[in-house]
């Protein structure tokens, strides 16, 4: 992966990936290099086996509901997980009422100020 990493440096995928490394693992470098990729690899692997890591990430992202495949089962018994058999029906939803009927929760409209809304950082 690393030899090809510079080719994606100016892309949205790179921006998102480095944001994940920064927000979840504390890696503040602008990009992965031959000098720092092993640290990133170690940080990700150190959390991979932690059963509480999914909950930690969702809490930091303030995720209230998460859709999960029924056959996998929820990662924990939290009521935030909404099961599905197949996700095709999700793509045809048009209204908050339809989402509410499936997820059993209300959806709040959030006011966005300015002409461009940038992603909010995950809570520390």
PDB file of N, CA and C in Angstrom:
ATOM      1  N   UNK A   1       0.812  -1.191   0.000  1.00  0.00           N
ATOM      2  CA  UNK A   1       0.000   0.000   0.000  1.00  0.00           C
ATOM      3  C   UNK A   1       0.861   1.263   0.000  1.00  0.00           C
ATOM      4  N   UNK A   2       1.864   1.329   0.831  1.00  0.00           N
ATOM      5  CA  UNK A   2       2.619   2.570   1.007  1.00  0.00           C
ATOM      6  C   UNK A   2       3.273   3.087  -0.277  1.00  0.00           C
ATOM      7  N   UNK A   3       3.802   2.233  -1.162  1.00  0.00           N
ATOM      8  CA  UNK A   3       4.401   2.798  -2.375  1.00  0.00           C
ATOM      9  C   UNK A   3       3.391   3.574  -3.233  1.00  0.00           C
ATOM     10  N   UNK A   4       2.114   3.240  -3.136  1.00  0.00           N
ATOM     11  CA  UNK A   4       1.094   3.899  -3.938  1.00  0.00           C
ATOM     12  C   UNK A   4       0.371   5.010  -3.177  1.00  0.00           C
ATOM     13  N   UNK A   5       0.670   5.170  -1.914  1.00  0.00           N
ATOM     14  CA  UNK A   5      -0.032   6.150  -1.095  1.00  0.00           C
ATOM     15  C   UNK A   5       0.108   7.585  -1.611  1.00  0.00           C
ATOM     16  N   UNK A   6       1.277   8.002  -2.079  1.00  0.00           N
ATOM     17  CA  UNK A   6       1.386   9.377  -2.593  1.00  0.00           C
ATOM     18  C   UNK A   6       0.440   9.665  -3.761  1.00  0.00           C
ATOM     19  N   UNK A   7       0.046   8.652  -4.507  1.00  0.00           N
ATOM     20  CA  UNK A   7      -0.844   8.866  -5.652  1.00  0.00           C
ATOM     21  C   UNK A   7      -2.242   9.302  -5.231  1.00  0.00           C
ATOM     22  N   UNK A   8      -2.626   9.048  -3.993  1.00  0.00           N
ATOM     23  CA  UNK A   8      -3.966   9.427  -3.531  1.00  0.00           C
ATOM     24  C   UNK A   8      -3.928  10.609  -2.566  1.00  0.00           C
ATOM     25  N   UNK A   9      -2.783  11.216  -2.414  1.00  0.00           N
ATOM     26  CA  UNK A   9      -2.613  12.270  -1.412  1.00  0.00           C
ATOM     27  C   UNK A   9      -3.582  13.437  -1.571  1.00  0.00           C
ATOM     28  N   UNK A  10      -3.928  13.812  -2.762  1.00  0.00           N
ATOM     29  CA  UNK A  10      -4.807  14.957  -2.985  1.00  0.00           C
ATOM     30  C   UNK A  10      -6.243  14.528  -3.260  1.00  0.00           C
ATOM     31  N   UNK A  11      -6.701  13.499  -2.563  1.00  0.00           N
ATOM     32  CA  UNK A  11      -8.059  13.002  -2.791  1.00  0.00           C
ATOM     33  C   UNK A  11      -8.880  13.056  -1.499  1.00  0.00           C
ATOM     34  N   UNK A  12     -10.185  12.959  -1.662  1.00  0.00           N
ATOM     35  CA  UNK A  12     -11.075  12.930  -0.503  1.00  0.00           C
ATOM     36  C   UNK A  12     -10.819  11.680   0.337  1.00  0.00           C
ATOM     37  N   UNK A  13     -10.478  10.567  -0.306  1.00  0.00           N
ATOM     38  CA  UNK A  13     -10.187   9.346   0.447  1.00  0.00           C
ATOM     39  C   UNK A  13      -8.988   9.538   1.370  1.00  0.00           C
ATOM     40  N   UNK A  14      -7.955  10.204   0.874  1.00  0.00           N
ATOM     41  CA  UNK A  14      -6.773  10.474   1.700  1.00  0.00           C
ATOM     42  C   UNK A  14      -7.141  11.369   2.880  1.00  0.00           C
ATOM     43  N   UNK A  15      -7.899  12.422   2.596  1.00  0.00           N
ATOM     44  CA  UNK A  15      -8.319  13.342   3.643  1.00  0.00           C
ATOM     45  C   UNK A  15      -9.111  12.598   4.722  1.00  0.00           C
ATOM     46  N   UNK A  16     -10.049  11.751   4.301  1.00  0.00           N
ATOM     47  CA  UNK A  16     -10.861  11.000   5.257  1.00  0.00           C
ATOM     48  C   UNK A  16     -10.015  10.001   6.039  1.00  0.00           C
ATOM     49  N   UNK A  17      -9.131   9.295   5.365  1.00  0.00           N
ATOM     50  CA  UNK A  17      -8.289   8.298   6.026  1.00  0.00           C
ATOM     51  C   UNK A  17      -7.379   8.949   7.066  1.00  0.00           C
ATOM     52  N   UNK A  18      -6.745  10.051   6.699  1.00  0.00           N
ATOM     53  CA  UNK A  18      -5.866  10.727   7.653  1.00  0.00           C
ATOM     54  C   UNK A  18      -6.673  11.321   8.802  1.00  0.00           C
ATOM     55  N   UNK A  19      -7.910  11.750   8.530  1.00  0.00           N
ATOM     56  CA  UNK A  19      -8.782  12.231   9.598  1.00  0.00           C
ATOM     57  C   UNK A  19      -9.114  11.126  10.589  1.00  0.00           C
ATOM     58  N   UNK A  20      -9.348   9.931  10.087  1.00  0.00           N
ATOM     59  CA  UNK A  20      -9.600   8.780  10.965  1.00  0.00           C
ATOM     60  C   UNK A  20      -8.383   8.494  11.824  1.00  0.00           C
ATOM     61  N   UNK A  21      -7.203   8.474  11.208  1.00  0.00           N
ATOM     62  CA  UNK A  21      -5.982   8.217  11.982  1.00  0.00           C
ATOM     63  C   UNK A  21      -5.768   9.291  13.043  1.00  0.00           C
ATOM     64  N   UNK A  22      -6.081  10.534  12.705  1.00  0.00           N
ATOM     65  CA  UNK A  22      -5.916  11.635  13.668  1.00  0.00           C
ATOM     66  C   UNK A  22      -6.942  11.540  14.798  1.00  0.00           C
ATOM     67  N   UNK A  23      -8.220  11.425  14.430  1.00  0.00           N
ATOM     68  CA  UNK A  23      -9.293  11.475  15.422  1.00  0.00           C
ATOM     69  C   UNK A  23      -9.354  10.242  16.315  1.00  0.00           C
ATOM     70  N   UNK A  24      -9.084   9.082  15.757  1.00  0.00           N
ATOM     71  CA  UNK A  24      -9.206   7.853  16.548  1.00  0.00           C
ATOM     72  C   UNK A  24      -7.903   7.383  17.165  1.00  0.00           C
ATOM     73  N   UNK A  25      -6.784   7.683  16.507  1.00  0.00           N
ATOM     74  CA  UNK A  25      -5.519   7.124  16.974  1.00  0.00           C
ATOM     75  C   UNK A  25      -4.471   8.171  17.337  1.00  0.00           C
ATOM     76  N   UNK A  26      -4.795   9.442  17.178  1.00  0.00           N
ATOM     77  CA  UNK A  26      -3.883  10.499  17.591  1.00  0.00           C
ATOM     78  C   UNK A  26      -2.695  10.717  16.681  1.00  0.00           C
ATOM     79  N   UNK A  27      -2.751  10.231  15.451  1.00  0.00           N
ATOM     80  CA  UNK A  27      -1.644  10.404  14.512  1.00  0.00           C
ATOM     81  C   UNK A  27      -1.875  11.713  13.757  1.00  0.00           C
ATOM     82  N   UNK A  28      -1.002  12.684  13.983  1.00  0.00           N
ATOM     83  CA  UNK A  28      -1.233  14.030  13.457  1.00  0.00           C
ATOM     84  C   UNK A  28      -0.438  14.356  12.197  1.00  0.00           C
ATOM     85  N   UNK A  29       0.328  13.421  11.685  1.00  0.00           N
ATOM     86  CA  UNK A  29       1.089  13.673  10.457  1.00  0.00           C
ATOM     87  C   UNK A  29       0.124  13.927   9.291  1.00  0.00           C
ATOM     88  N   UNK A  30       0.572  14.702   8.318  1.00  0.00           N
ATOM     89  CA  UNK A  30      -0.286  15.047   7.173  1.00  0.00           C
ATOM     90  C   UNK A  30      -0.518  13.869   6.236  1.00  0.00           C
ATOM     91  N   UNK A  31       0.410  12.912   6.228  1.00  0.00           N
ATOM     92  CA  UNK A  31       0.284  11.754   5.354  1.00  0.00           C
ATOM     93  C   UNK A  31       1.110  10.611   5.923  1.00  0.00           C
ATOM     94  N   UNK A  32       0.910   9.426   5.392  1.00  0.00           N
ATOM     95  CA  UNK A  32       1.731   8.291   5.803  1.00  0.00           C
ATOM     96  C   UNK A  32       3.005   8.291   4.971  1.00  0.00           C
ATOM     97  N   UNK A  33       4.098   7.975   5.653  1.00  0.00           N
ATOM     98  CA  UNK A  33       5.396   7.933   4.993  1.00  0.00           C
ATOM     99  C   UNK A  33       6.115   6.650   5.400  1.00  0.00           C
ATOM    100  N   UNK A  34       7.279   6.453   4.834  1.00  0.00           N
ATOM    101  CA  UNK A  34       8.098   5.306   5.208  1.00  0.00           C
ATOM    102  C   UNK A  34       8.522   5.351   6.663  1.00  0.00           C
ATOM    103  N   UNK A  35       8.496   6.542   7.259  1.00  0.00           N
ATOM    104  CA  UNK A  35       8.916   6.684   8.653  1.00  0.00           C
ATOM    105  C   UNK A  35       7.779   6.490   9.655  1.00  0.00           C
ATOM    106  N   UNK A  36       6.532   6.771   9.273  1.00  0.00           N
ATOM    107  CA  UNK A  36       5.461   6.745  10.279  1.00  0.00           C
ATOM    108  C   UNK A  36       4.384   5.682  10.058  1.00  0.00           C
ATOM    109  N   UNK A  37       4.411   4.959   8.949  1.00  0.00           N
ATOM    110  CA  UNK A  37       3.324   4.011   8.678  1.00  0.00           C
ATOM    111  C   UNK A  37       3.280   2.887   9.701  1.00  0.00           C
ATOM    112  N   UNK A  38       4.448   2.498  10.242  1.00  0.00           N
ATOM    113  CA  UNK A  38       4.445   1.407  11.219  1.00  0.00           C
ATOM    114  C   UNK A  38       3.754   1.809  12.515  1.00  0.00           C
ATOM    115  N   UNK A  39       3.900   3.067  12.922  1.00  0.00           N
ATOM    116  CA  UNK A  39       3.184   3.559  14.097  1.00  0.00           C
ATOM    117  C   UNK A  39       1.679   3.483  13.861  1.00  0.00           C
ATOM    118  N   UNK A  40       1.246   3.922  12.687  1.00  0.00           N
ATOM    119  CA  UNK A  40      -0.184   3.859  12.357  1.00  0.00           C
ATOM    120  C   UNK A  40      -0.664   2.412  12.378  1.00  0.00           C
ATOM    121  N   UNK A  41       0.093   1.523  11.792  1.00  0.00           N
ATOM    122  CA  UNK A  41      -0.261   0.102  11.772  1.00  0.00           C
ATOM    123  C   UNK A  41      -0.369  -0.463  13.192  1.00  0.00           C
ATOM    124  N   UNK A  42       0.584  -0.126  14.041  1.00  0.00           N
ATOM    125  CA  UNK A  42       0.560  -0.601  15.431  1.00  0.00           C
ATOM    126  C   UNK A  42      -0.646  -0.060  16.192  1.00  0.00           C
ATOM    127  N   UNK A  43      -0.974   1.210  15.980  1.00  0.00           N
ATOM    128  CA  UNK A  43      -2.112   1.804  16.684  1.00  0.00           C
ATOM    129  C   UNK A  43      -3.423   1.137  16.278  1.00  0.00           C
ATOM    130  N   UNK A  44      -3.611   0.917  14.989  1.00  0.00           N
ATOM    131  CA  UNK A  44      -4.834   0.277  14.517  1.00  0.00           C
ATOM    132  C   UNK A  44      -4.921  -1.156  15.029  1.00  0.00           C
ATOM    133  N   UNK A  45      -3.832  -1.889  14.913  1.00  0.00           N
ATOM    134  CA  UNK A  45      -3.827  -3.289  15.382  1.00  0.00           C
ATOM    135  C   UNK A  45      -4.046  -3.391  16.892  1.00  0.00           C
ATOM    136  N   UNK A  46      -3.561  -2.413  17.647  1.00  0.00           N
ATOM    137  CA  UNK A  46      -3.711  -2.475  19.107  1.00  0.00           C
ATOM    138  C   UNK A  46      -5.172  -2.365  19.538  1.00  0.00           C
ATOM    139  N   UNK A  47      -6.009  -1.758  18.708  1.00  0.00           N
ATOM    140  CA  UNK A  47      -7.431  -1.627  19.037  1.00  0.00           C
ATOM    141  C   UNK A  47      -8.305  -2.680  18.372  1.00  0.00           C
ATOM    142  N   UNK A  48      -7.761  -3.384  17.396  1.00  0.00           N
ATOM    143  CA  UNK A  48      -8.558  -4.326  16.599  1.00  0.00           C
ATOM    144  C   UNK A  48      -9.194  -5.427  17.446  1.00  0.00           C
ATOM    145  N   UNK A  49      -8.525  -5.900  18.459  1.00  0.00           N
ATOM    146  CA  UNK A  49      -9.064  -6.973  19.283  1.00  0.00           C
ATOM    147  C   UNK A  49      -9.843  -6.516  20.501  1.00  0.00           C
ATOM    148  N   UNK A  50      -9.967  -5.217  20.676  1.00  0.00           N
ATOM    149  CA  UNK A  50     -10.654  -4.666  21.837  1.00  0.00           C
ATOM    150  C   UNK A  50     -12.166  -4.702  21.615  1.00  0.00           C
ATOM    151  N   UNK A  51     -12.895  -5.515  22.384  1.00  0.00           N
ATOM    152  CA  UNK A  51     -14.344  -5.610  22.176  1.00  0.00           C
ATOM    153  C   UNK A  51     -15.084  -4.307  22.475  1.00  0.00           C
ATOM    154  N   UNK A  52     -14.518  -3.405  23.221  1.00  0.00           N
ATOM    155  CA  UNK A  52     -15.160  -2.142  23.539  1.00  0.00           C
ATOM    156  C   UNK A  52     -14.839  -1.025  22.552  1.00  0.00           C
ATOM    157  N   UNK A  53     -13.968  -1.299  21.583  1.00  0.00           N
ATOM    158  CA  UNK A  53     -13.527  -0.249  20.667  1.00  0.00           C
ATOM    159  C   UNK A  53     -14.674   0.266  19.801  1.00  0.00           C
ATOM    160  N   UNK A  54     -15.543  -0.610  19.309  1.00  0.00           N
ATOM    161  CA  UNK A  54     -16.678  -0.174  18.489  1.00  0.00           C
ATOM    162  C   UNK A  54     -17.541   0.807  19.279  1.00  0.00           C
ATOM    163  N   UNK A  55     -17.843   0.470  20.521  1.00  0.00           N
ATOM    164  CA  UNK A  55     -18.656   1.340  21.369  1.00  0.00           C
ATOM    165  C   UNK A  55     -17.953   2.687  21.580  1.00  0.00           C
ATOM    166  N   UNK A  56     -16.647   2.656  21.799  1.00  0.00           N
ATOM    167  CA  UNK A  56     -15.880   3.883  21.995  1.00  0.00           C
ATOM    168  C   UNK A  56     -15.963   4.785  20.765  1.00  0.00           C
ATOM    169  N   UNK A  57     -15.786   4.202  19.588  1.00  0.00           N
ATOM    170  CA  UNK A  57     -15.837   4.982  18.349  1.00  0.00           C
ATOM    171  C   UNK A  57     -17.233   5.568  18.143  1.00  0.00           C
ATOM    172  N   UNK A  58     -18.260   4.758  18.352  1.00  0.00           N
ATOM    173  CA  UNK A  58     -19.631   5.245  18.168  1.00  0.00           C
ATOM    174  C   UNK A  58     -19.978   6.332  19.177  1.00  0.00           C
ATOM    175  N   UNK A  59     -19.517   6.191  20.412  1.00  0.00           N
ATOM    176  CA  UNK A  59     -19.753   7.223  21.425  1.00  0.00           C
ATOM    177  C   UNK A  59     -19.075   8.533  21.024  1.00  0.00           C
ATOM    178  N   UNK A  60     -17.841   8.443  20.562  1.00  0.00           N
ATOM    179  CA  UNK A  60     -17.113   9.644  20.165  1.00  0.00           C
ATOM    180  C   UNK A  60     -17.748  10.310  18.954  1.00  0.00           C
ATOM    181  N   UNK A  61     -18.345   9.508  18.076  1.00  0.00           N
ATOM    182  CA  UNK A  61     -19.022  10.044  16.889  1.00  0.00           C
ATOM    183  C   UNK A  61     -20.444  10.502  17.211  1.00  0.00           C
ATOM    184  N   UNK A  62     -20.872  10.263  18.436  1.00  0.00           N
ATOM    185  CA  UNK A  62     -22.230  10.597  18.883  1.00  0.00           C
ATOM    186  C   UNK A  62     -23.292   9.899  18.030  1.00  0.00           C
ATOM    187  N   UNK A  63     -22.997   8.664  17.624  1.00  0.00           N
ATOM    188  CA  UNK A  63     -23.945   7.888  16.812  1.00  0.00           C
ATOM    189  C   UNK A  63     -25.053   7.363  17.710  1.00  0.00           C
ATOM    190  N   UNK A  64     -26.282   7.747  17.405  1.00  0.00           N
ATOM    191  CA  UNK A  64     -27.424   7.310  18.201  1.00  0.00           C
ATOM    192  C   UNK A  64     -27.999   5.997  17.696  1.00  0.00           C
ATOM    193  N   UNK A  65     -27.939   5.748  16.391  1.00  0.00           N
ATOM    194  CA  UNK A  65     -28.452   4.522  15.798  1.00  0.00           C
ATOM    195  C   UNK A  65     -27.463   4.019  14.761  1.00  0.00           C
ATOM    196  N   UNK A  66     -27.265   2.704  14.736  1.00  0.00           N
ATOM    197  CA  UNK A  66     -26.369   2.069  13.787  1.00  0.00           C
ATOM    198  C   UNK A  66     -27.094   0.860  13.214  1.00  0.00           C
ATOM    199  N   UNK A  67     -27.099   0.755  11.901  1.00  0.00           N
ATOM    200  CA  UNK A  67     -27.739  -0.383  11.253  1.00  0.00           C
ATOM    201  C   UNK A  67     -26.698  -1.482  11.108  1.00  0.00           C
ATOM    202  N   UNK A  68     -27.068  -2.720  11.499  1.00  0.00           N
ATOM    203  CA  UNK A  68     -26.135  -3.835  11.416  1.00  0.00           C
ATOM    204  C   UNK A  68     -26.832  -5.029  10.774  1.00  0.00           C
ATOM    205  N   UNK A  69     -26.051  -5.870  10.083  1.00  0.00           N
ATOM    206  CA  UNK A  69     -26.644  -7.058   9.466  1.00  0.00           C
ATOM    207  C   UNK A  69     -27.071  -8.065  10.526  1.00  0.00           C
ATOM    208  N   UNK A  70     -28.310  -8.523  10.430  1.00  0.00           N
ATOM    209  CA  UNK A  70     -28.888  -9.423  11.420  1.00  0.00           C
ATOM    210  C   UNK A  70     -28.025 -10.661  11.652  1.00  0.00           C
ATOM    211  N   UNK A  71     -27.470 -11.223  10.580  1.00  0.00           N
ATOM    212  CA  UNK A  71     -26.703 -12.463  10.722  1.00  0.00           C
ATOM    213  C   UNK A  71     -25.437 -12.277  11.561  1.00  0.00           C
ATOM    214  N   UNK A  72     -24.917 -11.047  11.648  1.00  0.00           N
ATOM    215  CA  UNK A  72     -23.715 -10.796  12.439  1.00  0.00           C
ATOM    216  C   UNK A  72     -24.015 -10.583  13.916  1.00  0.00           C
ATOM    217  N   UNK A  73     -25.201 -10.125  14.220  1.00  0.00           N
ATOM    218  CA  UNK A  73     -25.530  -9.798  15.606  1.00  0.00           C
ATOM    219  C   UNK A  73     -24.903  -8.479  15.998  1.00  0.00           C
ATOM    220  N   UNK A  74     -25.505  -7.770  16.957  1.00  0.00           N
ATOM    221  CA  UNK A  74     -24.954  -6.469  17.367  1.00  0.00           C
ATOM    222  C   UNK A  74     -23.656  -6.662  18.143  1.00  0.00           C
ATOM    223  N   UNK A  75     -22.746  -5.684  18.049  1.00  0.00           N
ATOM    224  CA  UNK A  75     -21.491  -5.775  18.786  1.00  0.00           C
ATOM    225  C   UNK A  75     -21.661  -5.772  20.310  1.00  0.00           C
ATOM    226  N   UNK A  76     -22.729  -5.151  20.792  1.00  0.00           N
ATOM    227  CA  UNK A  76     -23.026  -5.157  22.220  1.00  0.00           C
ATOM    228  C   UNK A  76     -24.539  -5.008  22.391  1.00  0.00           C
ATOM    229  N   UNK A  77     -25.065  -5.160  23.592  1.00  0.00           N
ATOM    230  CA  UNK A  77     -26.523  -5.135  23.776  1.00  0.00           C
ATOM    231  C   UNK A  77     -27.161  -3.749  23.779  1.00  0.00           C
ATOM    232  N   UNK A  78     -26.432  -2.733  23.385  1.00  0.00           N
ATOM    233  CA  UNK A  78     -26.950  -1.371  23.374  1.00  0.00           C
ATOM    234  C   UNK A  78     -28.180  -1.251  22.474  1.00  0.00           C
ATOM    235  N   UNK A  79     -29.150  -0.409  22.850  1.00  0.00           N
ATOM    236  CA  UNK A  79     -30.333  -0.209  22.007  1.00  0.00           C
ATOM    237  C   UNK A  79     -30.053   0.624  20.753  1.00  0.00           C
ATOM    238  N   UNK A  80     -28.820   1.065  20.560  1.00  0.00           N
ATOM    239  CA  UNK A  80     -28.500   1.893  19.390  1.00  0.00           C
ATOM    240  C   UNK A  80     -28.460   1.084  18.098  1.00  0.00           C
ATOM    241  N   UNK A  81     -28.428  -0.243  18.193  1.00  0.00           N
ATOM    242  CA  UNK A  81     -28.300  -1.060  16.993  1.00  0.00           C
ATOM    243  C   UNK A  81     -29.658  -1.429  16.412  1.00  0.00           C
ATOM    244  N   UNK A  82     -29.812  -1.210  15.108  1.00  0.00           N
ATOM    245  CA  UNK A  82     -31.043  -1.512  14.390  1.00  0.00           C
ATOM    246  C   UNK A  82     -30.711  -2.607  13.389  1.00  0.00           C
ATOM    247  N   UNK A  83     -31.298  -3.795  13.537  1.00  0.00           N
ATOM    248  CA  UNK A  83     -30.955  -4.895  12.626  1.00  0.00           C
ATOM    249  C   UNK A  83     -31.627  -4.759  11.259  1.00  0.00           C
ATOM    250  N   UNK A  84     -31.032  -5.367  10.257  1.00  0.00           N
ATOM    251  CA  UNK A  84     -31.667  -5.469   8.945  1.00  0.00           C
ATOM    252  C   UNK A  84     -31.317  -6.815   8.324  1.00  0.00           C
ATOM    253  N   UNK A  85     -32.219  -7.325   7.516  1.00  0.00           N
ATOM    254  CA  UNK A  85     -31.973  -8.565   6.781  1.00  0.00           C
ATOM    255  C   UNK A  85     -31.190  -8.267   5.515  1.00  0.00           C
ATOM    256  N   UNK A  86     -31.632  -7.253   4.790  1.00  0.00           N
ATOM    257  CA  UNK A  86     -30.901  -6.786   3.614  1.00  0.00           C
ATOM    258  C   UNK A  86     -31.125  -5.277   3.530  1.00  0.00           C
ATOM    259  N   UNK A  87     -30.140  -4.572   3.053  1.00  0.00           N
ATOM    260  CA  UNK A  87     -30.178  -3.108   3.097  1.00  0.00           C
ATOM    261  C   UNK A  87     -30.879  -2.472   1.909  1.00  0.00           C
ATOM    262  N   UNK A  88     -31.359  -3.257   0.969  1.00  0.00           N
ATOM    263  CA  UNK A  88     -31.948  -2.660  -0.230  1.00  0.00           C
ATOM    264  C   UNK A  88     -33.089  -1.705   0.099  1.00  0.00           C
ATOM    265  N   UNK A  89     -33.915  -2.051   1.081  1.00  0.00           N
ATOM    266  CA  UNK A  89     -35.059  -1.196   1.394  1.00  0.00           C
ATOM    267  C   UNK A  89     -34.635   0.174   1.911  1.00  0.00           C
ATOM    268  N   UNK A  90     -33.439   0.302   2.426  1.00  0.00           N
ATOM    269  CA  UNK A  90     -32.981   1.585   2.948  1.00  0.00           C
ATOM    270  C   UNK A  90     -32.782   2.609   1.837  1.00  0.00           C
ATOM    271  N   UNK A  91     -32.438   2.138   0.651  1.00  0.00           N
ATOM    272  CA  UNK A  91     -32.154   3.066  -0.439  1.00  0.00           C
ATOM    273  C   UNK A  91     -33.403   3.675  -1.039  1.00  0.00           C
ATOM    274  N   UNK A  92     -34.561   3.117  -0.764  1.00  0.00           N
ATOM    275  CA  UNK A  92     -35.792   3.649  -1.339  1.00  0.00           C
ATOM    276  C   UNK A  92     -36.544   4.565  -0.368  1.00  0.00           C
ATOM    277  N   UNK A  93     -36.010   4.776   0.837  1.00  0.00           N
ATOM    278  CA  UNK A  93     -36.674   5.642   1.798  1.00  0.00           C
ATOM    279  C   UNK A  93     -36.629   7.094   1.340  1.00  0.00           C
ATOM    280  N   UNK A  94     -37.727   7.783   1.567  1.00  0.00           N
ATOM    281  CA  UNK A  94     -37.796   9.156   1.107  1.00  0.00           C
ATOM    282  C   UNK A  94     -38.045  10.169   2.231  1.00  0.00           C
ATOM    283  N   UNK A  95     -38.590   9.735   3.360  1.00  0.00           N
ATOM    284  CA  UNK A  95     -39.002  10.697   4.375  1.00  0.00           C
ATOM    285  C   UNK A  95     -38.508  10.300   5.755  1.00  0.00           C
ATOM    286  N   UNK A  96     -38.397  11.277   6.663  1.00  0.00           N
ATOM    287  CA  UNK A  96     -38.043  10.953   8.050  1.00  0.00           C
ATOM    288  C   UNK A  96     -39.066  10.005   8.693  1.00  0.00           C
ATOM    289  N   UNK A  97     -40.319  10.104   8.267  1.00  0.00           N
ATOM    290  CA  UNK A  97     -41.348   9.224   8.832  1.00  0.00           C
ATOM    291  C   UNK A  97     -41.060   7.767   8.494  1.00  0.00           C
ATOM    292  N   UNK A  98     -40.603   7.509   7.277  1.00  0.00           N
ATOM    293  CA  UNK A  98     -40.257   6.142   6.893  1.00  0.00           C
ATOM    294  C   UNK A  98     -39.064   5.641   7.716  1.00  0.00           C
ATOM    295  N   UNK A  99     -38.075   6.482   7.908  1.00  0.00           N
ATOM    296  CA  UNK A  99     -36.931   6.098   8.734  1.00  0.00           C
ATOM    297  C   UNK A  99     -37.360   5.839  10.173  1.00  0.00           C
ATOM    298  N   UNK A 100     -38.233   6.700  10.689  1.00  0.00           N
ATOM    299  CA  UNK A 100     -38.725   6.556  12.055  1.00  0.00           C
ATOM    300  C   UNK A 100     -39.451   5.225  12.229  1.00  0.00           C
ATOM    301  N   UNK A 101     -40.221   4.820  11.229  1.00  0.00           N
ATOM    302  CA  UNK A 101     -40.971   3.565  11.311  1.00  0.00           C
ATOM    303  C   UNK A 101     -40.033   2.361  11.395  1.00  0.00           C
ATOM    304  N   UNK A 102     -38.903   2.433  10.734  1.00  0.00           N
ATOM    305  CA  UNK A 102     -37.959   1.313  10.756  1.00  0.00           C
ATOM    306  C   UNK A 102     -37.069   1.363  11.985  1.00  0.00           C
ATOM    307  N   UNK A 103     -36.484   2.529  12.252  1.00  0.00           N
ATOM    308  CA  UNK A 103     -35.502   2.635  13.331  1.00  0.00           C
ATOM    309  C   UNK A 103     -36.131   2.866  14.692  1.00  0.00           C
ATOM    310  N   UNK A 104     -37.372   3.330  14.723  1.00  0.00           N
ATOM    311  CA  UNK A 104     -38.028   3.574  15.998  1.00  0.00           C
ATOM    312  C   UNK A 104     -37.528   4.800  16.716  1.00  0.00           C
ATOM    313  N   UNK A 105     -36.937   5.722  15.990  1.00  0.00           N
ATOM    314  CA  UNK A 105     -36.423   6.951  16.604  1.00  0.00           C
ATOM    315  C   UNK A 105     -36.792   8.140  15.746  1.00  0.00           C
ATOM    316  N   UNK A 106     -36.762   9.305  16.353  1.00  0.00           N
ATOM    317  CA  UNK A 106     -36.990  10.538  15.610  1.00  0.00           C
ATOM    318  C   UNK A 106     -35.680  11.073  15.076  1.00  0.00           C
ATOM    319  N   UNK A 107     -35.764  11.883  14.065  1.00  0.00           N
ATOM    320  CA  UNK A 107     -34.584  12.497  13.491  1.00  0.00           C
ATOM    321  C   UNK A 107     -34.736  14.001  13.601  1.00  0.00           C
ATOM    322  N   UNK A 108     -33.722  14.631  14.157  1.00  0.00           N
ATOM    323  CA  UNK A 108     -33.751  16.076  14.340  1.00  0.00           C
ATOM    324  C   UNK A 108     -33.157  16.762  13.125  1.00  0.00           C
ATOM    325  N   UNK A 109     -33.781  17.863  12.740  1.00  0.00           N
ATOM    326  CA  UNK A 109     -33.198  18.677  11.687  1.00  0.00           C
ATOM    327  C   UNK A 109     -32.144  19.558  12.322  1.00  0.00           C
ATOM    328  N   UNK A 110     -30.961  19.602  11.710  1.00  0.00           N
ATOM    329  CA  UNK A 110     -29.885  20.422  12.237  1.00  0.00           C
ATOM    330  C   UNK A 110     -29.677  21.610  11.317  1.00  0.00           C
ATOM    331  N   UNK A 111     -29.587  22.792  11.920  1.00  0.00           N
ATOM    332  CA  UNK A 111     -29.357  23.999  11.155  1.00  0.00           C
ATOM    333  C   UNK A 111     -27.872  24.087  10.819  1.00  0.00           C
ATOM    334  N   UNK A 112     -27.591  24.335   9.561  1.00  0.00           N
ATOM    335  CA  UNK A 112     -26.208  24.482   9.112  1.00  0.00           C
ATOM    336  C   UNK A 112     -26.005  25.941   8.755  1.00  0.00           C
ATOM    337  N   UNK A 113     -25.023  26.573   9.387  1.00  0.00           N
ATOM    338  CA  UNK A 113     -24.777  27.974   9.101  1.00  0.00           C
ATOM    339  C   UNK A 113     -23.660  28.101   8.071  1.00  0.00           C
ATOM    340  N   UNK A 114     -23.707  29.156   7.317  1.00  0.00           N
ATOM    341  CA  UNK A 114     -22.692  29.373   6.296  1.00  0.00           C
ATOM    342  C   UNK A 114     -23.027  28.618   5.024  1.00  0.00           C
ATOM    343  N   UNK A 115     -22.204  28.806   4.020  1.00  0.00           N
ATOM    344  CA  UNK A 115     -22.482  28.187   2.731  1.00  0.00           C
ATOM    345  C   UNK A 115     -21.842  26.820   2.593  1.00  0.00           C
ATOM    346  N   UNK A 116     -20.932  26.472   3.490  1.00  0.00           N
ATOM    347  CA  UNK A 116     -20.254  25.185   3.398  1.00  0.00           C
ATOM    348  C   UNK A 116     -20.184  24.573   4.786  1.00  0.00           C
ATOM    349  N   UNK A 117     -20.678  23.370   4.921  1.00  0.00           N
ATOM    350  CA  UNK A 117     -20.617  22.679   6.203  1.00  0.00           C
ATOM    351  C   UNK A 117     -19.446  21.704   6.167  1.00  0.00           C
ATOM    352  N   UNK A 118     -18.494  21.873   7.053  1.00  0.00           N
ATOM    353  CA  UNK A 118     -17.354  20.973   7.122  1.00  0.00           C
ATOM    354  C   UNK A 118     -17.606  19.908   8.181  1.00  0.00           C
ATOM    355  N   UNK A 119     -16.981  18.738   8.044  1.00  0.00           N
ATOM    356  CA  UNK A 119     -17.204  17.682   9.030  1.00  0.00           C
ATOM    357  C   UNK A 119     -16.774  18.123  10.427  1.00  0.00           C
ATOM    358  N   UNK A 120     -17.590  17.780  11.419  1.00  0.00           N
ATOM    359  CA  UNK A 120     -17.279  18.101  12.800  1.00  0.00           C
ATOM    360  C   UNK A 120     -16.310  17.057  13.341  1.00  0.00           C
ATOM    361  N   UNK A 121     -15.319  17.483  14.063  1.00  0.00           N
ATOM    362  CA  UNK A 121     -14.355  16.557  14.656  1.00  0.00           C
ATOM    363  C   UNK A 121     -15.036  15.686  15.689  1.00  0.00           C
ATOM    364  N   UNK A 122     -14.548  14.485  15.847  1.00  0.00           N
ATOM    365  CA  UNK A 122     -15.080  13.598  16.870  1.00  0.00           C
ATOM    366  C   UNK A 122     -14.738  14.155  18.234  1.00  0.00           C
ATOM    367  N   UNK A 123     -15.639  13.945  19.185  1.00  0.00           N
ATOM    368  CA  UNK A 123     -15.399  14.432  20.553  1.00  0.00           C
ATOM    369  C   UNK A 123     -14.200  13.709  21.140  1.00  0.00           C
ATOM    370  N   UNK A 124     -13.405  14.424  21.870  1.00  0.00           N
ATOM    371  CA  UNK A 124     -12.212  13.817  22.481  1.00  0.00           C
ATOM    372  C   UNK A 124     -12.581  12.959  23.652  1.00  0.00           C
TER     373      UNK A 124
END
